[in-house]
Amino acid sequence: MKHLSEQQPVTSRKYFYRVENTVTPVADNPIVCVKPVTERIHGFARLFISQCFSKGYADRLQVFSTDFIDHDFVDACVGLTRARVEGQA
């Protein structure tokens, strides 16, 4: 959320902000100290979308790559798109 909040709104930038490329240190393996977070954030897609709206970052949010998409996220995106079309989001 911190890095997303620092991005320009979608309408004023020509690149994608990709959440799933983030890596975090993992102390459980001394050789491999970094682990992609993609699989760990799949279950939080709806929370992520709602936080973007509640914090006022929704204008910075774009479609994620297929690494991030699962059935629940697709449903959430459909709901979000419908709400935007109806002027409720």
N, C-alpha and C. Protein backbone atom coordinates (compact mmCIF):
# COMPACT_ATOMS: atom_id res chain seq x y z
N MET A 1 0.82 -1.18 0.00
CA MET A 1 0.00 0.00 0.00
C MET A 1 0.87 1.26 0.00
N LYS A 2 1.97 1.22 0.74
CA LYS A 2 2.84 2.39 0.82
C LYS A 2 3.36 2.77 -0.57
N HIS A 3 3.87 1.78 -1.28
CA HIS A 3 4.44 2.06 -2.61
C HIS A 3 3.35 2.43 -3.62
N LEU A 4 2.20 1.79 -3.51
CA LEU A 4 1.10 2.15 -4.41
C LEU A 4 0.67 3.59 -4.17
N SER A 5 0.64 4.02 -2.92
CA SER A 5 0.23 5.39 -2.60
C SER A 5 1.19 6.42 -3.18
N GLU A 6 2.43 6.03 -3.43
CA GLU A 6 3.43 6.95 -3.97
C GLU A 6 3.37 7.06 -5.49
N GLN A 7 2.54 6.22 -6.13
CA GLN A 7 2.43 6.23 -7.59
C GLN A 7 1.48 7.35 -8.04
N GLN A 8 1.66 7.78 -9.28
CA GLN A 8 0.75 8.74 -9.88
C GLN A 8 -0.55 8.03 -10.24
N PRO A 9 -1.67 8.77 -10.36
CA PRO A 9 -2.90 8.14 -10.82
C PRO A 9 -2.70 7.49 -12.19
N VAL A 10 -3.49 6.48 -12.48
CA VAL A 10 -3.38 5.71 -13.72
C VAL A 10 -3.41 6.62 -14.95
N THR A 11 -4.24 7.63 -14.92
CA THR A 11 -4.40 8.50 -16.09
C THR A 11 -3.17 9.35 -16.40
N SER A 12 -2.25 9.47 -15.46
CA SER A 12 -1.08 10.32 -15.69
C SER A 12 0.23 9.56 -15.75
N ARG A 13 0.18 8.22 -15.89
CA ARG A 13 1.42 7.46 -16.04
C ARG A 13 1.28 6.43 -17.14
N LYS A 14 2.42 5.99 -17.67
CA LYS A 14 2.41 5.08 -18.81
C LYS A 14 3.03 3.74 -18.48
N TYR A 15 2.98 3.34 -17.23
CA TYR A 15 3.54 2.06 -16.82
C TYR A 15 2.61 1.41 -15.81
N PHE A 16 2.80 0.11 -15.61
CA PHE A 16 2.01 -0.63 -14.64
C PHE A 16 2.76 -0.73 -13.33
N TYR A 17 2.04 -0.61 -12.24
CA TYR A 17 2.61 -0.86 -10.92
C TYR A 17 2.28 -2.30 -10.58
N ARG A 18 3.30 -3.16 -10.48
CA ARG A 18 3.08 -4.60 -10.32
C ARG A 18 3.38 -5.05 -8.90
N VAL A 19 2.34 -5.33 -8.14
CA VAL A 19 2.47 -5.76 -6.76
C VAL A 19 3.17 -7.10 -6.65
N GLU A 20 2.86 -8.03 -7.56
CA GLU A 20 3.32 -9.40 -7.40
C GLU A 20 4.81 -9.59 -7.61
N ASN A 21 5.52 -8.58 -8.09
CA ASN A 21 6.96 -8.71 -8.25
C ASN A 21 7.73 -8.42 -6.97
N THR A 22 7.02 -8.07 -5.94
CA THR A 22 7.65 -7.76 -4.66
C THR A 22 8.29 -9.00 -4.06
N VAL A 23 9.41 -8.83 -3.39
CA VAL A 23 10.05 -9.93 -2.68
C VAL A 23 10.31 -9.49 -1.25
N THR A 24 10.27 -10.44 -0.33
CA THR A 24 10.51 -10.14 1.07
C THR A 24 11.52 -11.11 1.64
N PRO A 25 12.32 -10.67 2.60
CA PRO A 25 13.29 -11.57 3.22
C PRO A 25 12.59 -12.70 3.98
N VAL A 26 13.13 -13.88 3.90
CA VAL A 26 12.62 -15.03 4.65
C VAL A 26 13.80 -15.63 5.40
N ALA A 27 13.72 -15.65 6.71
CA ALA A 27 14.86 -16.09 7.52
C ALA A 27 14.93 -17.60 7.72
N ASP A 28 14.04 -18.37 7.10
CA ASP A 28 14.02 -19.81 7.34
C ASP A 28 15.02 -20.59 6.48
N ASN A 29 15.74 -19.94 5.60
CA ASN A 29 16.71 -20.62 4.76
C ASN A 29 17.93 -19.70 4.59
N PRO A 30 19.08 -20.11 5.12
CA PRO A 30 20.25 -19.24 5.06
C PRO A 30 20.79 -19.00 3.65
N ILE A 31 20.49 -19.90 2.71
CA ILE A 31 21.00 -19.75 1.35
C ILE A 31 20.05 -18.91 0.50
N VAL A 32 18.79 -19.25 0.54
CA VAL A 32 17.79 -18.49 -0.20
C VAL A 32 17.08 -17.58 0.78
N CYS A 33 17.42 -16.32 0.76
CA CYS A 33 16.87 -15.38 1.74
C CYS A 33 15.68 -14.58 1.23
N VAL A 34 15.28 -14.81 0.00
CA VAL A 34 14.18 -14.04 -0.56
C VAL A 34 13.14 -14.99 -1.14
N LYS A 35 11.88 -14.67 -0.95
CA LYS A 35 10.80 -15.51 -1.46
C LYS A 35 9.74 -14.62 -2.11
N PRO A 36 9.32 -14.91 -3.33
CA PRO A 36 8.27 -14.09 -3.94
C PRO A 36 6.99 -14.15 -3.11
N VAL A 37 6.30 -13.04 -3.06
CA VAL A 37 5.09 -12.98 -2.24
C VAL A 37 3.82 -13.30 -3.02
N THR A 38 3.94 -13.57 -4.31
CA THR A 38 2.75 -13.75 -5.14
C THR A 38 1.75 -14.71 -4.53
N GLU A 39 2.16 -15.92 -4.20
CA GLU A 39 1.22 -16.91 -3.67
C GLU A 39 0.69 -16.51 -2.31
N ARG A 40 1.48 -15.78 -1.54
CA ARG A 40 1.03 -15.38 -0.22
C ARG A 40 0.00 -14.25 -0.26
N ILE A 41 -0.07 -13.50 -1.35
CA ILE A 41 -1.04 -12.40 -1.40
C ILE A 41 -2.31 -12.75 -2.17
N HIS A 42 -2.36 -13.91 -2.78
CA HIS A 42 -3.56 -14.30 -3.53
C HIS A 42 -4.82 -14.20 -2.67
N GLY A 43 -4.76 -14.68 -1.46
CA GLY A 43 -5.93 -14.69 -0.59
C GLY A 43 -6.36 -13.33 -0.10
N PHE A 44 -5.58 -12.32 -0.39
CA PHE A 44 -5.87 -10.99 0.13
C PHE A 44 -6.27 -10.00 -0.96
N ALA A 45 -6.64 -10.49 -2.14
CA ALA A 45 -6.97 -9.61 -3.26
C ALA A 45 -8.13 -8.68 -2.93
N ARG A 46 -9.20 -9.24 -2.36
CA ARG A 46 -10.36 -8.40 -2.02
C ARG A 46 -10.01 -7.37 -0.95
N LEU A 47 -9.23 -7.78 0.03
CA LEU A 47 -8.79 -6.85 1.06
C LEU A 47 -7.95 -5.74 0.45
N PHE A 48 -7.06 -6.11 -0.47
CA PHE A 48 -6.21 -5.13 -1.13
C PHE A 48 -7.04 -4.11 -1.89
N ILE A 49 -8.03 -4.58 -2.64
CA ILE A 49 -8.90 -3.67 -3.39
C ILE A 49 -9.65 -2.74 -2.44
N SER A 50 -10.22 -3.30 -1.37
CA SER A 50 -10.98 -2.46 -0.44
C SER A 50 -10.09 -1.44 0.25
N GLN A 51 -8.86 -1.82 0.57
CA GLN A 51 -7.92 -0.88 1.19
C GLN A 51 -7.54 0.23 0.22
N CYS A 52 -7.40 -0.10 -1.06
CA CYS A 52 -7.11 0.93 -2.06
C CYS A 52 -8.20 1.99 -2.05
N PHE A 53 -9.45 1.55 -1.96
CA PHE A 53 -10.56 2.50 -1.94
C PHE A 53 -10.62 3.28 -0.63
N SER A 54 -10.48 2.59 0.48
CA SER A 54 -10.61 3.27 1.77
C SER A 54 -9.49 4.27 2.01
N LYS A 55 -8.32 4.03 1.44
CA LYS A 55 -7.19 4.94 1.62
C LYS A 55 -7.09 5.98 0.50
N GLY A 56 -8.00 5.88 -0.49
CA GLY A 56 -8.02 6.86 -1.57
C GLY A 56 -7.02 6.61 -2.68
N TYR A 57 -6.58 5.35 -2.85
CA TYR A 57 -5.61 5.01 -3.89
C TYR A 57 -6.24 4.31 -5.08
N ALA A 58 -7.55 4.25 -5.15
CA ALA A 58 -8.21 3.48 -6.20
C ALA A 58 -7.86 3.99 -7.59
N ASP A 59 -7.56 5.29 -7.71
CA ASP A 59 -7.21 5.83 -9.03
C ASP A 59 -5.81 5.41 -9.47
N ARG A 60 -5.08 4.72 -8.60
CA ARG A 60 -3.74 4.24 -8.94
C ARG A 60 -3.75 2.75 -9.28
N LEU A 61 -4.88 2.11 -9.06
CA LEU A 61 -5.00 0.67 -9.21
C LEU A 61 -5.23 0.29 -10.67
N GLN A 62 -4.46 -0.70 -11.15
CA GLN A 62 -4.63 -1.21 -12.51
C GLN A 62 -4.78 -2.73 -12.45
N VAL A 63 -5.11 -3.32 -13.57
CA VAL A 63 -5.24 -4.77 -13.66
C VAL A 63 -3.88 -5.41 -13.40
N PHE A 64 -3.87 -6.45 -12.59
CA PHE A 64 -2.63 -7.15 -12.25
C PHE A 64 -2.31 -8.19 -13.31
N SER A 65 -1.08 -8.64 -13.33
CA SER A 65 -0.70 -9.70 -14.26
C SER A 65 -1.36 -11.01 -13.85
N THR A 66 -1.28 -12.01 -14.71
CA THR A 66 -1.96 -13.27 -14.43
C THR A 66 -1.39 -14.01 -13.23
N ASP A 67 -0.20 -13.64 -12.76
CA ASP A 67 0.35 -14.26 -11.56
C ASP A 67 -0.55 -14.01 -10.36
N PHE A 68 -1.25 -12.90 -10.36
CA PHE A 68 -2.04 -12.49 -9.21
C PHE A 68 -3.49 -12.94 -9.31
N ILE A 69 -3.91 -13.33 -10.51
CA ILE A 69 -5.33 -13.59 -10.74
C ILE A 69 -5.72 -15.02 -10.38
N ASP A 70 -6.76 -15.15 -9.58
CA ASP A 70 -7.41 -16.43 -9.33
C ASP A 70 -8.92 -16.16 -9.46
N HIS A 71 -9.75 -17.18 -9.28
CA HIS A 71 -11.19 -17.02 -9.49
C HIS A 71 -11.80 -15.95 -8.60
N ASP A 72 -11.39 -15.92 -7.34
CA ASP A 72 -11.95 -14.94 -6.42
C ASP A 72 -11.57 -13.52 -6.84
N PHE A 73 -10.35 -13.35 -7.31
CA PHE A 73 -9.93 -12.02 -7.75
C PHE A 73 -10.70 -11.58 -8.98
N VAL A 74 -10.95 -12.50 -9.90
CA VAL A 74 -11.75 -12.18 -11.09
C VAL A 74 -13.14 -11.72 -10.66
N ASP A 75 -13.76 -12.44 -9.71
CA ASP A 75 -15.07 -12.05 -9.20
C ASP A 75 -15.03 -10.65 -8.59
N ALA A 76 -13.98 -10.39 -7.82
CA ALA A 76 -13.84 -9.07 -7.19
C ALA A 76 -13.69 -7.98 -8.24
N CYS A 77 -12.93 -8.25 -9.29
CA CYS A 77 -12.75 -7.26 -10.37
C CYS A 77 -14.05 -7.00 -11.11
N VAL A 78 -14.83 -8.06 -11.34
CA VAL A 78 -16.12 -7.90 -12.01
C VAL A 78 -17.02 -7.02 -11.15
N GLY A 79 -17.04 -7.29 -9.85
CA GLY A 79 -17.85 -6.48 -8.94
C GLY A 79 -17.41 -5.03 -8.92
N LEU A 80 -16.11 -4.81 -8.91
CA LEU A 80 -15.56 -3.46 -8.91
C LEU A 80 -15.90 -2.73 -10.21
N THR A 81 -15.76 -3.42 -11.33
CA THR A 81 -16.08 -2.82 -12.63
C THR A 81 -17.56 -2.44 -12.70
N ARG A 82 -18.42 -3.32 -12.23
CA ARG A 82 -19.86 -3.03 -12.23
C ARG A 82 -20.17 -1.81 -11.36
N ALA A 83 -19.55 -1.76 -10.19
CA ALA A 83 -19.78 -0.62 -9.30
C ALA A 83 -19.30 0.68 -9.93
N ARG A 84 -18.18 0.64 -10.65
CA ARG A 84 -17.68 1.85 -11.32
C ARG A 84 -18.63 2.28 -12.43
N VAL A 85 -19.13 1.32 -13.22
CA VAL A 85 -20.06 1.64 -14.31
C VAL A 85 -21.34 2.26 -13.76
N GLU A 86 -21.80 1.74 -12.62
CA GLU A 86 -23.03 2.25 -12.01
C GLU A 86 -22.80 3.50 -11.17
N GLY A 87 -21.55 3.96 -11.11
CA GLY A 87 -21.24 5.17 -10.37
C GLY A 87 -21.23 5.00 -8.86
N GLN A 88 -21.07 3.77 -8.39
CA GLN A 88 -21.07 3.49 -6.96
C GLN A 88 -19.66 3.34 -6.39
N ALA A 89 -18.64 3.40 -7.24
CA ALA A 89 -17.26 3.24 -6.76
C ALA A 89 -16.40 4.38 -7.25
